[in-house]
Amino acid sequence: MEIKFTPRKLEGAIDAMPSKSHAHRLLIAQKLAHLQGHASEESVEISPFSDDIEATMNCLGQLDKNTPYLECGESGSTLRFLLPVTMALKDGACFLGAGRLPDRPLSPLKEEMELHGCRFRMGANKGDDRFEEICSVRGRLEAGEYFLPGNVSSQFITGLLFALPLLDAESTLILTTELESAGYIDMTLHVLRRFGLEIYTEFTESGLLMYRVPGNQVYIEPEGLTPEGDWSNAAFWLAAGVLSGDITVRGLNMESCQRDKEIISILQQMGAAPEITTHSDGLSDIRTVACCLKGAEIDVSQIPDLAPVLAVIMSSAEGTSMISHGERLKFKESNRMKSIYAMLYALGADISYGGDRLSITGKAFLEGGHTDSQNDHRIAMAAAVASCLCSGEVFLENPIAVTKSYPDFYNDFIDLGGEPEYLWNQNSEKNL
């Protein structure tokens, strides 16, 4: 199946969807509080709003079983967060995944868990038509010293930070390199501390981060759990505003730990002037309008999820722009730096790709054409926004990838004036 986008100016106002990253963390902490008998009397249910959140909720339900089978879907967060959490609670578990997830790396988390009581058997068996066994694990996770690089995946660090307080003695988690995607760890620590946990952030003699985590801690659910508005997905609409229209995104927290709120400062650096209106509840409405943009050089090591939408913005900015330090993007739902390049090149952008970098020289407009999301939700959304810059129609293969994080994306696109049209072939599933 593919979607055809007819180029249109996008205008209007839209509510920010809930943050997937924040919701994952709230759900895990909430489940652990329930398992320890410390649920809030005012417990708030977080409804599933994306495939990844549904995967986490389904997996958390398995923690009530002696030997859980955790079907993680295509969610790297679900798998990497729940591997150590599950093995802090259980003597055995099986983890399954779909799409590209079984091929995404578990090292060095796997090796650290093996040094602390766990035995892995990497899977080669199909669970069913959708899921493939990633690994089965035996042995309870043990307290001790853990070492992880800070530049491979913050998800490994988050998973251990959730699990270590459950162990029977104090543990330390020592980073062996500088921390990338630090905002995600800040979010994790904020959630853990809100649930009453003590995590001490210290530094090694060489100046690297170390987390000291007392054992035998109890998760206590606070009242009023609500995921924040999602800056990562809001960035697509803020970009559409500066490229072709006048768009307001409502309900964003300017004080959020989400590092992708840097989209505001990046747009300002490129010549836009986002208007910020903050209300009495502390949440803000952000408005962007079409303007002339200038090129910029952006290091995405701390904001990898912004890379696709930044590349779209840069394709119309004056001069040559650069996206750098995108090494870890090759481990996303697609090899994302290559996917960004392929998508924008197919639409007529002046773009080159080399290793961890993209170089983009802006043009007045893109031509349009046929491209593919590579089954990557952020590439699909970036292609939709890029259609606003095109003189011709855009045809996108595998558009339903957006359900991973933003199932209502195309409905919101329509509400803002977009014109997506589903095109079916004889092999297409005619339901969304």
Protein backbone atom coordinates (compact mmCIF):
# COMPACT_ATOMS: atom_id res chain seq x y z
CA MET A 1 0.00 0.00 0.00
CA GLU A 2 1.07 3.58 -0.55
CA ILE A 3 -0.22 7.05 0.19
CA LYS A 4 -0.29 9.91 -2.29
CA PHE A 5 0.26 13.38 -0.85
CA THR A 6 -0.93 16.33 -2.92
CA PRO A 7 1.15 19.36 -1.87
CA ARG A 8 -0.85 21.65 0.38
CA LYS A 9 -0.19 24.50 2.79
CA LEU A 10 -0.86 23.30 6.36
CA GLU A 11 -2.60 25.59 8.84
CA GLY A 12 -4.44 25.28 12.13
CA ALA A 13 -4.03 24.17 15.74
CA ILE A 14 -3.50 20.70 17.14
CA ASP A 15 -3.03 19.12 20.56
CA ALA A 16 0.33 17.49 21.28
CA MET A 17 -0.06 13.74 21.56
CA PRO A 18 1.23 12.02 24.73
CA SER A 19 4.95 11.38 24.95
CA LYS A 20 5.77 7.78 24.12
CA SER A 21 9.08 7.99 25.97
CA HIS A 22 7.45 9.35 29.12
CA ALA A 23 4.55 6.89 28.97
CA HIS A 24 6.88 3.84 28.73
CA ARG A 25 8.57 4.93 31.95
CA LEU A 26 5.39 5.77 33.83
CA LEU A 27 3.82 2.43 32.91
CA ILE A 28 6.83 0.40 34.06
CA ALA A 29 7.15 2.28 37.34
CA GLN A 30 3.39 2.02 37.90
CA LYS A 31 3.45 -1.76 37.34
CA LEU A 32 6.35 -2.22 39.75
CA ALA A 33 4.47 -0.20 42.39
CA HIS A 34 1.45 -2.45 41.88
CA LEU A 35 3.56 -5.62 42.18
CA GLN A 36 5.06 -4.32 45.43
CA GLY A 37 1.63 -3.41 46.81
CA HIS A 38 2.08 0.35 46.73
CA ALA A 39 -0.38 1.50 44.09
CA SER A 40 -1.98 4.89 44.46
CA GLU A 41 -5.61 5.10 45.47
CA GLU A 42 -5.94 7.60 42.63
CA SER A 43 -4.20 5.39 40.09
CA VAL A 44 -4.54 6.73 36.57
CA GLU A 45 -4.76 4.33 33.67
CA ILE A 46 -2.69 5.26 30.65
CA SER A 47 -4.55 4.13 27.55
CA PRO A 48 -2.56 2.63 24.68
CA PHE A 49 -1.99 5.29 22.02
CA SER A 50 0.64 3.67 19.82
CA ASP A 51 1.91 0.21 18.89
CA ASP A 52 4.95 0.63 21.14
CA ILE A 53 2.91 1.61 24.19
CA GLU A 54 0.53 -1.29 23.58
CA ALA A 55 3.55 -3.61 23.44
CA THR A 56 4.82 -2.35 26.80
CA MET A 57 1.39 -2.71 28.39
CA ASN A 58 1.01 -6.27 27.10
CA CYS A 59 4.48 -7.21 28.36
CA LEU A 60 3.85 -5.71 31.79
CA GLY A 61 0.76 -7.91 32.04
CA GLN A 62 3.05 -10.92 31.62
CA LEU A 63 4.94 -10.03 34.83
CA ASP A 64 2.08 -11.58 36.81
CA LYS A 65 3.16 -15.00 35.47
CA ASN A 66 5.92 -17.25 36.77
CA THR A 67 7.61 -17.53 33.37
CA PRO A 68 6.54 -14.56 31.27
CA TYR A 69 6.58 -14.45 27.48
CA LEU A 70 7.08 -10.84 26.50
CA GLU A 71 6.01 -9.98 22.96
CA CYS A 72 7.79 -6.65 22.43
CA GLY A 73 6.51 -5.98 18.92
CA GLU A 74 8.94 -3.64 17.18
CA SER A 75 9.60 -1.58 20.30
CA GLY A 76 13.26 -1.27 21.26
CA SER A 77 12.30 0.58 24.44
CA THR A 78 10.02 -2.23 25.55
CA LEU A 79 12.68 -4.90 25.05
CA ARG A 80 15.65 -3.02 26.46
CA PHE A 81 13.80 -1.58 29.46
CA LEU A 82 12.11 -4.85 30.43
CA LEU A 83 15.03 -7.25 29.98
CA PRO A 84 16.73 -6.27 33.27
CA VAL A 85 13.44 -5.42 35.00
CA THR A 86 11.97 -8.84 34.29
CA MET A 87 15.10 -10.69 35.36
CA ALA A 88 15.18 -8.73 38.62
CA LEU A 89 11.78 -10.30 39.34
CA LYS A 90 11.79 -13.70 37.61
CA ASP A 91 14.00 -16.78 37.30
CA GLY A 92 13.18 -17.18 33.62
CA ALA A 93 11.54 -15.35 30.74
CA CYS A 94 11.30 -15.36 26.96
CA PHE A 95 11.45 -12.21 24.84
CA LEU A 96 9.98 -12.03 21.34
CA GLY A 97 9.96 -9.31 18.71
CA ALA A 98 8.82 -8.40 15.22
CA GLY A 99 10.13 -6.42 12.27
CA ARG A 100 13.72 -5.30 12.69
CA LEU A 101 13.75 -5.67 16.49
CA PRO A 102 15.25 -9.21 16.58
CA ASP A 103 18.25 -7.86 14.64
CA ARG A 104 18.85 -4.84 16.85
CA PRO A 105 21.81 -5.29 19.23
CA LEU A 106 21.50 -6.25 22.89
CA SER A 107 25.23 -5.90 23.58
CA PRO A 108 26.69 -4.77 25.91
CA LEU A 109 23.63 -5.04 28.20
CA LYS A 110 23.50 -8.79 27.57
CA GLU A 111 27.11 -9.30 28.66
CA GLU A 112 26.65 -7.22 31.83
CA MET A 113 23.56 -9.22 32.77
CA GLU A 114 25.49 -12.45 32.14
CA LEU A 115 28.14 -11.26 34.61
CA HIS A 116 25.38 -10.77 37.16
CA GLY A 117 23.49 -14.04 37.31
CA CYS A 118 21.66 -14.29 33.96
CA ARG A 119 22.12 -16.89 31.22
CA PHE A 120 21.02 -15.99 27.69
CA ARG A 121 20.01 -18.28 24.88
CA MET A 122 19.63 -16.26 21.72
CA GLY A 123 16.53 -17.38 19.86
CA ALA A 124 16.16 -18.82 16.41
CA ASN A 125 12.57 -19.98 16.70
CA LYS A 126 9.49 -18.24 15.35
CA GLY A 127 6.91 -17.46 18.01
CA ASP A 128 4.10 -17.25 15.48
CA ASP A 129 3.55 -15.55 12.14
CA ARG A 130 4.30 -12.14 13.67
CA PHE A 131 6.86 -12.71 16.41
CA GLU A 132 10.34 -14.18 16.43
CA GLU A 133 12.11 -15.32 19.58
CA ILE A 134 14.87 -12.86 20.43
CA CYS A 135 16.19 -14.59 23.53
CA SER A 136 15.26 -16.66 26.52
CA VAL A 137 16.91 -15.82 29.82
CA ARG A 138 17.40 -17.87 32.97
CA GLY A 139 18.73 -16.75 36.35
CA ARG A 140 17.85 -13.85 38.62
CA LEU A 141 19.70 -10.57 38.16
CA GLU A 142 22.22 -9.90 40.94
CA ALA A 143 23.47 -6.72 42.58
CA GLY A 144 26.97 -5.48 41.90
CA GLU A 145 29.03 -3.19 39.69
CA TYR A 146 27.73 -2.69 36.16
CA PHE A 147 29.66 -1.02 33.35
CA LEU A 148 28.03 0.35 30.19
CA PRO A 149 29.18 2.79 27.50
CA GLY A 150 27.14 5.97 27.43
CA ASN A 151 27.20 6.26 23.65
CA VAL A 152 25.56 3.00 22.53
CA SER A 153 21.98 3.13 23.83
CA SER A 154 20.46 5.12 26.67
CA GLN A 155 17.74 2.44 26.73
CA PHE A 156 20.21 -0.04 28.28
CA ILE A 157 20.98 2.46 31.04
CA THR A 158 17.30 3.15 31.69
CA GLY A 159 16.50 -0.56 31.92
CA LEU A 160 19.14 -1.09 34.61
CA LEU A 161 18.13 2.04 36.51
CA PHE A 162 14.61 0.60 36.78
CA ALA A 163 15.86 -2.86 37.80
CA LEU A 164 18.71 -2.20 40.23
CA PRO A 165 16.54 -0.73 43.04
CA LEU A 166 14.68 -4.08 43.15
CA LEU A 167 17.82 -6.09 43.98
CA ASP A 168 18.84 -7.15 47.50
CA ALA A 169 21.95 -4.97 47.83
CA GLU A 170 23.43 -1.73 46.57
CA SER A 171 24.61 -1.60 42.95
CA THR A 172 26.56 0.87 40.90
CA LEU A 173 26.16 1.60 37.21
CA ILE A 174 29.33 3.15 35.82
CA LEU A 175 29.48 4.72 32.36
CA THR A 176 32.67 4.07 30.42
CA THR A 177 32.18 6.93 27.91
CA GLU A 178 30.41 10.27 27.78
CA LEU A 179 26.62 9.99 27.90
CA GLU A 180 24.64 10.58 24.69
CA SER A 181 20.85 11.05 24.64
CA ALA A 182 21.22 12.42 28.17
CA GLY A 183 17.70 13.83 28.13
CA TYR A 184 16.23 10.33 28.15
CA ILE A 185 18.21 9.44 31.28
CA ASP A 186 17.09 12.70 32.90
CA MET A 187 13.50 11.64 32.17
CA THR A 188 14.12 8.20 33.68
CA LEU A 189 15.60 9.67 36.86
CA HIS A 190 12.71 12.13 37.15
CA VAL A 191 10.16 9.29 36.99
CA LEU A 192 12.07 7.08 39.43
CA ARG A 193 12.39 9.87 41.97
CA ARG A 194 8.71 10.69 41.59
CA PHE A 195 8.00 7.09 42.60
CA GLY A 196 10.10 7.55 45.74
CA LEU A 197 13.34 5.88 44.67
CA GLU A 198 16.83 7.02 45.62
CA ILE A 199 19.33 7.13 42.78
CA TYR A 200 22.57 8.98 43.46
CA THR A 201 24.39 10.55 40.53
CA GLU A 202 28.13 10.76 41.07
CA PHE A 203 31.31 10.99 39.00
CA THR A 204 34.25 8.68 38.60
CA GLU A 205 37.83 9.89 39.00
CA SER A 206 37.99 10.28 35.22
CA GLY A 207 34.91 12.51 35.25
CA LEU A 208 32.41 10.01 33.84
CA LEU A 209 28.92 9.50 35.24
CA MET A 210 28.19 6.84 37.84
CA TYR A 211 24.83 5.96 39.39
CA ARG A 212 24.76 4.53 42.92
CA VAL A 213 21.55 2.60 43.53
CA PRO A 214 20.61 1.24 46.98
CA GLY A 215 18.85 -2.11 46.95
CA ASN A 216 15.57 -3.29 48.49
CA GLN A 217 13.75 -0.14 47.41
CA VAL A 218 10.00 0.18 46.98
CA TYR A 219 8.15 1.85 44.13
CA ILE A 220 5.30 3.98 45.52
CA GLU A 221 2.87 5.29 42.93
CA PRO A 222 2.11 9.00 43.24
CA GLU A 223 -1.19 10.56 42.29
CA GLY A 224 -1.90 12.17 38.96
CA LEU A 225 0.18 10.21 36.48
CA THR A 226 -0.17 11.79 33.06
CA PRO A 227 2.32 11.56 30.19
CA GLU A 228 3.67 14.86 28.95
CA GLY A 229 3.03 16.15 25.47
CA ASP A 230 5.46 14.64 22.97
CA TRP A 231 8.12 17.02 21.67
CA SER A 232 9.49 14.47 19.17
CA ASN A 233 6.23 14.22 17.25
CA ALA A 234 5.28 17.87 17.79
CA ALA A 235 8.48 18.75 15.91
CA PHE A 236 6.94 17.52 12.65
CA TRP A 237 4.07 20.02 12.93
CA LEU A 238 6.35 22.86 14.05
CA ALA A 239 8.46 22.14 10.98
CA ALA A 240 5.40 22.11 8.72
CA GLY A 241 4.50 25.53 10.09
CA VAL A 242 7.83 27.14 9.22
CA LEU A 243 7.90 25.43 5.81
CA SER A 244 4.47 26.15 4.46
CA GLY A 245 1.85 27.52 6.79
CA ASP A 246 0.76 28.63 10.25
CA ILE A 247 0.50 25.86 12.87
CA THR A 248 0.03 25.89 16.64
CA VAL A 249 0.80 22.84 18.78
CA ARG A 250 -0.94 22.96 22.16
CA GLY A 251 -0.01 21.35 25.47
CA LEU A 252 3.80 21.20 25.50
CA ASN A 253 5.94 21.55 28.62
CA MET A 254 8.84 23.97 28.16
CA GLU A 255 10.42 22.57 31.37
CA SER A 256 10.31 18.99 30.13
CA CYS A 257 13.29 16.63 30.37
CA GLN A 258 12.59 15.69 26.75
CA ARG A 259 15.67 16.87 24.89
CA ASP A 260 13.72 17.15 21.62
CA LYS A 261 12.30 20.45 22.88
CA GLU A 262 15.54 21.75 21.35
CA ILE A 263 13.54 21.99 18.13
CA ILE A 264 12.60 25.48 19.38
CA SER A 265 16.19 26.71 19.68
CA ILE A 266 17.14 25.04 16.38
CA LEU A 267 14.30 26.78 14.54
CA GLN A 268 15.40 30.07 16.10
CA GLN A 269 18.98 29.41 15.00
CA MET A 270 17.72 28.86 11.44
CA GLY A 271 15.81 32.14 11.37
CA ALA A 272 12.31 31.19 12.52
CA ALA A 273 10.54 32.90 15.41
CA PRO A 274 8.32 30.38 17.26
CA GLU A 275 5.70 32.10 19.41
CA ILE A 276 5.34 30.59 22.89
CA THR A 277 2.22 31.18 25.00
CA THR A 278 2.36 29.63 28.47
CA HIS A 279 -0.86 29.04 30.44
CA SER A 280 -1.64 28.85 34.14
CA ASP A 281 -1.26 25.05 34.14
CA GLY A 282 2.36 25.44 33.04
CA LEU A 283 1.75 24.07 29.55
CA SER A 284 2.53 26.07 26.44
CA ASP A 285 1.15 26.55 22.96
CA ILE A 286 3.85 26.86 20.28
CA ARG A 287 3.07 28.62 17.00
CA THR A 288 5.25 28.57 13.90
CA VAL A 289 4.63 30.38 10.62
CA ALA A 290 6.22 30.15 7.18
CA CYS A 291 9.48 32.05 6.88
CA CYS A 292 12.83 32.09 5.11
CA LEU A 293 15.29 29.76 6.75
CA LYS A 294 19.08 29.72 6.77
CA GLY A 295 21.33 26.69 6.97
CA ALA A 296 22.75 25.25 10.17
CA GLU A 297 25.06 22.54 11.43
CA ILE A 298 23.34 20.33 14.01
CA ASP A 299 24.91 17.61 16.15
CA VAL A 300 22.14 15.03 16.71
CA SER A 301 23.99 12.83 19.22
CA GLN A 302 21.66 14.06 21.99
CA ILE A 303 18.56 14.45 19.77
CA PRO A 304 18.62 11.52 17.31
CA ASP A 305 14.85 11.44 16.83
CA LEU A 306 14.89 14.95 15.40
CA ALA A 307 17.21 14.01 12.53
CA PRO A 308 14.48 13.16 9.95
CA VAL A 309 12.48 16.34 10.44
CA LEU A 310 15.61 18.49 10.64
CA ALA A 311 16.72 17.10 7.29
CA VAL A 312 13.37 18.12 5.77
CA ILE A 313 13.71 21.64 7.15
CA MET A 314 17.26 21.91 5.87
CA SER A 315 16.22 20.85 2.37
CA SER A 316 14.59 24.27 1.96
CA ALA A 317 17.02 26.39 4.02
CA GLU A 318 19.38 28.85 2.34
CA GLY A 319 22.91 27.53 1.97
CA THR A 320 24.32 24.16 2.98
CA SER A 321 23.34 22.49 6.25
CA MET A 322 24.90 19.57 8.06
CA ILE A 323 23.55 16.85 10.37
CA SER A 324 26.39 15.19 12.25
CA HIS A 325 27.04 12.47 14.84
CA GLY A 326 24.23 10.23 13.67
CA GLU A 327 26.11 6.97 14.34
CA ARG A 328 23.40 5.41 16.50
CA LEU A 329 20.67 6.11 13.96
CA LYS A 330 21.65 2.99 12.05
CA PHE A 331 20.15 0.93 14.88
CA LYS A 332 16.66 2.45 14.70
CA GLU A 333 13.63 0.97 12.92
CA SER A 334 15.68 1.42 9.78
CA ASN A 335 19.25 2.49 9.17
CA ARG A 336 17.84 5.95 9.62
CA MET A 337 20.61 8.11 8.17
CA LYS A 338 20.44 6.06 4.95
CA SER A 339 16.64 6.20 5.01
CA ILE A 340 16.60 9.98 5.40
CA TYR A 341 19.00 10.29 2.48
CA ALA A 342 17.03 7.90 0.26
CA MET A 343 13.68 9.55 1.03
CA LEU A 344 14.79 13.13 0.40
CA TYR A 345 16.96 12.25 -2.60
CA ALA A 346 13.96 10.54 -4.21
CA LEU A 347 11.94 13.75 -3.73
CA GLY A 348 14.61 15.90 -5.40
CA ALA A 349 16.62 17.25 -2.46
CA ASP A 350 20.27 18.20 -2.91
CA ILE A 351 21.56 15.80 -0.26
CA SER A 352 24.64 13.65 0.27
CA TYR A 353 25.31 10.96 2.85
CA GLY A 354 28.50 9.71 4.39
CA GLY A 355 28.77 7.62 7.54
CA ASP A 356 27.33 9.62 10.43
CA ARG A 357 26.68 12.80 8.42
CA LEU A 358 24.18 14.30 6.02
CA SER A 359 24.96 17.38 3.94
CA ILE A 360 21.95 19.23 2.49
CA THR A 361 21.90 22.29 0.24
CA GLY A 362 18.54 24.01 0.34
CA LYS A 363 16.30 24.51 -2.68
CA ALA A 364 13.23 26.66 -3.27
CA PHE A 365 11.14 23.52 -3.70
CA LEU A 366 11.41 19.76 -4.12
CA GLU A 367 10.02 17.94 -7.13
CA GLY A 368 8.10 15.15 -5.39
CA GLY A 369 8.06 11.56 -6.57
CA HIS A 370 8.06 8.02 -5.18
CA THR A 371 9.73 7.13 -1.90
CA ASP A 372 9.57 4.54 0.89
CA SER A 373 9.38 4.80 4.68
CA GLN A 374 11.52 1.65 5.05
CA ASN A 375 8.91 0.75 7.68
CA ASP A 376 10.25 3.56 9.89
CA HIS A 377 7.63 5.76 11.53
CA ARG A 378 9.75 8.90 11.59
CA ILE A 379 10.68 8.57 7.93
CA ALA A 380 6.98 8.25 7.02
CA MET A 381 6.10 11.41 8.97
CA ALA A 382 9.07 13.28 7.51
CA ALA A 383 7.94 12.38 3.98
CA ALA A 384 4.46 13.75 4.70
CA VAL A 385 5.91 17.05 5.92
CA ALA A 386 8.30 17.15 2.94
CA SER A 387 5.30 17.02 0.60
CA CYS A 388 4.53 20.61 1.68
CA LEU A 389 7.72 21.66 -0.13
CA CYS A 390 7.07 19.75 -3.33
CA SER A 391 5.83 21.01 -6.67
CA GLY A 392 4.50 17.55 -7.54
CA GLU A 393 2.77 14.73 -5.74
CA VAL A 394 4.57 12.47 -3.26
CA PHE A 395 3.92 8.72 -3.26
CA LEU A 396 4.96 6.98 -0.03
CA GLU A 397 5.30 3.21 0.29
CA ASN A 398 4.75 1.61 3.73
CA PRO A 399 2.95 4.63 5.19
CA ILE A 400 1.35 2.72 8.07
CA ALA A 401 4.69 2.66 9.90
CA VAL A 402 3.37 5.74 11.75
CA THR A 403 1.24 3.48 13.99
CA LYS A 404 4.41 2.63 15.90
CA SER A 405 4.32 5.99 17.65
CA TYR A 406 1.52 8.15 16.19
CA PRO A 407 -1.48 6.22 14.80
CA ASP A 408 -3.52 9.42 14.32
CA PHE A 409 -0.80 11.19 12.34
CA TYR A 410 -2.65 11.18 9.01
CA ASN A 411 -5.93 12.23 10.65
CA ASP A 412 -4.14 15.20 12.19
CA PHE A 413 -2.47 15.88 8.84
CA ILE A 414 -5.94 16.07 7.26
CA ASP A 415 -7.21 18.34 10.06
CA LEU A 416 -4.42 20.78 9.20
CA GLY A 417 -5.36 20.82 5.52
CA GLY A 418 -3.30 17.96 4.13
CA GLU A 419 -4.59 15.66 1.38
CA PRO A 420 -3.35 12.09 1.80
CA GLU A 421 -4.98 9.50 -0.44
CA TYR A 422 -4.59 5.76 0.15
CA LEU A 423 -3.72 3.82 -2.97
CA TRP A 424 -4.34 0.09 -2.90
CA ASN A 425 -2.87 -2.65 -5.00
CA GLN A 426 -4.09 -6.20 -5.24
CA ASN A 427 -1.78 -7.34 -2.43
CA SER A 428 -2.79 -4.59 -0.01
CA GLU A 429 -4.61 -5.13 3.24
CA LYS A 430 -7.61 -2.82 2.98
CA ASN A 431 -7.83 -1.98 6.65
CA LEU A 432 -5.74 0.32 8.82
